Amino acid sequence: MKTGEVLFQVRVPGSSRETIALFSQATQDPNPIHIDDAFALRCGFHQVIQQGPMTTAHFARLLAEHCGADQLRSLDVSFSAPVFPLEDLDLRATVELVEDGLALLALVAQKTDGTVTAKGQAQVALQRP
């Protein structure tokens, strides 16, 4: 890995309402904003929204695929815009720094219209030859 290198840039298909509801159940997330349109509307959204941790889970999967699950040392993601059912996301990881056997990666998730929905960082250990 080299500074500035794009490790991955992947389009992830949007999640269905059913998948979002199942994720809420699996993570024991009681917030009705993920399953109840009327509640989401009262909160200012036109429909339910996907959980932020779903985006984090996509990043974790992609990092494991590209670097190896055992190489991931940290993953931190902050959310800045809602993701609605069936909205595809473009996820990108760019190498920011390589030092002492570790790579620091900048993570960005955005909708196809360019709206950034999440940013974060991951740290991965470089595999030994």
Protein backbone atom coordinates (compact mmCIF):
# COMPACT_ATOMS: atom_id res chain seq x y z
CA MET A 1 0.00 0.00 0.00
CA LYS A 2 1.12 3.51 -0.82
CA THR A 3 -0.11 6.91 0.33
CA GLY A 4 -2.82 8.15 -2.02
CA GLU A 5 -3.68 4.68 -3.32
CA VAL A 6 -7.38 3.85 -3.54
CA LEU A 7 -7.72 0.48 -1.85
CA PHE A 8 -11.30 0.03 -3.03
CA GLN A 9 -14.12 1.98 -4.60
CA VAL A 10 -17.24 -0.15 -4.65
CA ARG A 11 -20.95 0.47 -5.26
CA VAL A 12 -23.05 -1.33 -2.68
CA PRO A 13 -26.68 -1.97 -3.68
CA GLY A 14 -29.30 -0.30 -1.51
CA SER A 15 -30.95 -2.29 1.24
CA SER A 16 -34.63 -3.19 1.09
CA ARG A 17 -37.06 -2.13 3.80
CA GLU A 18 -37.17 -5.77 4.89
CA THR A 19 -33.37 -5.94 5.24
CA ILE A 20 -33.36 -2.70 7.23
CA ALA A 21 -36.07 -4.10 9.54
CA LEU A 22 -34.14 -7.36 9.97
CA PHE A 23 -30.96 -5.42 10.76
CA SER A 24 -32.89 -3.49 13.43
CA GLN A 25 -34.09 -6.74 14.92
CA ALA A 26 -30.65 -8.41 14.77
CA THR A 27 -28.90 -5.44 16.41
CA GLN A 28 -31.72 -4.92 18.92
CA ASP A 29 -32.18 -1.35 17.68
CA PRO A 30 -35.61 -0.27 18.99
CA ASN A 31 -35.66 3.06 17.12
CA PRO A 32 -38.90 3.12 15.06
CA ILE A 33 -37.30 5.47 12.53
CA HIS A 34 -35.97 2.34 10.81
CA ILE A 35 -39.32 0.52 10.47
CA ASP A 36 -42.21 3.00 10.82
CA ASP A 37 -42.88 5.49 7.99
CA ALA A 38 -45.26 7.59 10.10
CA PHE A 39 -42.63 7.97 12.80
CA ALA A 40 -39.94 8.76 10.22
CA LEU A 41 -42.23 11.43 8.73
CA ARG A 42 -42.70 13.02 12.17
CA CYS A 43 -38.88 13.10 12.41
CA GLY A 44 -38.60 14.98 9.12
CA PHE A 45 -37.88 12.11 6.72
CA HIS A 46 -40.11 11.03 3.85
CA GLN A 47 -39.68 7.35 4.78
CA VAL A 48 -37.70 5.07 7.07
CA ILE A 49 -33.91 5.37 7.11
CA GLN A 50 -31.18 2.78 7.13
CA GLN A 51 -29.09 2.34 10.29
CA GLY A 52 -25.65 3.93 10.18
CA PRO A 53 -24.06 0.69 11.38
CA MET A 54 -25.19 -0.95 8.13
CA THR A 55 -22.70 1.31 6.33
CA THR A 56 -20.05 0.42 8.91
CA ALA A 57 -20.77 -3.27 8.31
CA HIS A 58 -20.24 -2.79 4.55
CA PHE A 59 -16.90 -1.10 5.23
CA ALA A 60 -15.88 -3.91 7.59
CA ARG A 61 -16.73 -6.55 4.98
CA LEU A 62 -14.82 -4.75 2.24
CA LEU A 63 -11.79 -4.19 4.47
CA ALA A 64 -11.78 -7.87 5.40
CA GLU A 65 -11.98 -8.85 1.72
CA HIS A 66 -9.18 -6.51 0.66
CA CYS A 67 -6.84 -6.73 3.65
CA GLY A 68 -7.82 -9.85 5.54
CA ALA A 69 -10.10 -9.83 8.57
CA ASP A 70 -7.20 -10.51 10.91
CA GLN A 71 -5.39 -7.38 9.68
CA LEU A 72 -8.10 -4.89 10.71
CA ARG A 73 -7.00 -3.00 13.84
CA SER A 74 -9.62 -0.25 14.10
CA LEU A 75 -12.68 1.07 12.31
CA ASP A 76 -14.43 4.35 13.14
CA VAL A 77 -17.26 5.80 11.04
CA SER A 78 -19.39 8.95 11.56
CA PHE A 79 -22.67 9.54 9.75
CA SER A 80 -23.68 12.82 8.10
CA ALA A 81 -26.76 12.16 5.93
CA PRO A 82 -29.62 9.66 5.90
CA VAL A 83 -29.68 6.64 3.62
CA PHE A 84 -33.13 5.56 2.47
CA PRO A 85 -34.25 2.09 1.34
CA LEU A 86 -32.86 0.99 -2.02
CA GLU A 87 -30.32 3.85 -2.22
CA ASP A 88 -27.02 2.57 -3.56
CA LEU A 89 -23.86 3.72 -1.83
CA ASP A 90 -20.38 4.22 -3.25
CA LEU A 91 -17.80 3.23 -0.63
CA ARG A 92 -14.17 4.25 -0.98
CA ALA A 93 -11.06 3.59 1.08
CA THR A 94 -7.92 5.64 0.37
CA VAL A 95 -4.53 5.12 1.97
CA GLU A 96 -3.63 8.21 4.02
CA LEU A 97 -0.47 7.03 5.73
CA VAL A 98 1.76 3.96 5.85
CA GLU A 99 4.01 3.73 8.88
CA ASP A 100 5.42 1.13 11.26
CA GLY A 101 3.69 -1.78 9.54
CA LEU A 102 0.27 -0.11 9.61
CA ALA A 103 -1.84 1.69 7.03
CA LEU A 104 -4.30 4.44 7.94
CA LEU A 105 -7.23 4.54 5.54
CA ALA A 106 -9.71 7.36 4.90
CA LEU A 107 -13.23 6.04 4.35
CA VAL A 108 -16.05 7.82 2.50
CA ALA A 109 -19.58 6.66 1.71
CA GLN A 110 -21.71 8.65 -0.68
CA LYS A 111 -24.97 8.35 -2.55
CA THR A 112 -24.97 8.23 -6.32
CA ASP A 113 -25.93 11.95 -6.36
CA GLY A 114 -22.67 12.74 -4.52
CA THR A 115 -24.16 13.29 -1.05
CA VAL A 116 -21.64 12.13 1.53
CA THR A 117 -23.43 9.96 4.09
CA ALA A 118 -20.46 8.82 6.17
CA LYS A 119 -16.75 9.39 6.71
CA GLY A 120 -14.29 7.54 8.82
CA GLN A 121 -10.93 5.90 9.26
CA ALA A 122 -9.63 2.39 9.49
CA GLN A 123 -6.26 1.11 10.52
CA VAL A 124 -4.96 -2.14 9.05
CA ALA A 125 -1.78 -4.07 9.67
CA LEU A 126 0.29 -4.70 6.58
CA GLN A 127 0.76 -8.36 5.86
CA ARG A 128 4.27 -9.66 6.27
CA PRO A 129 5.91 -11.10 3.14
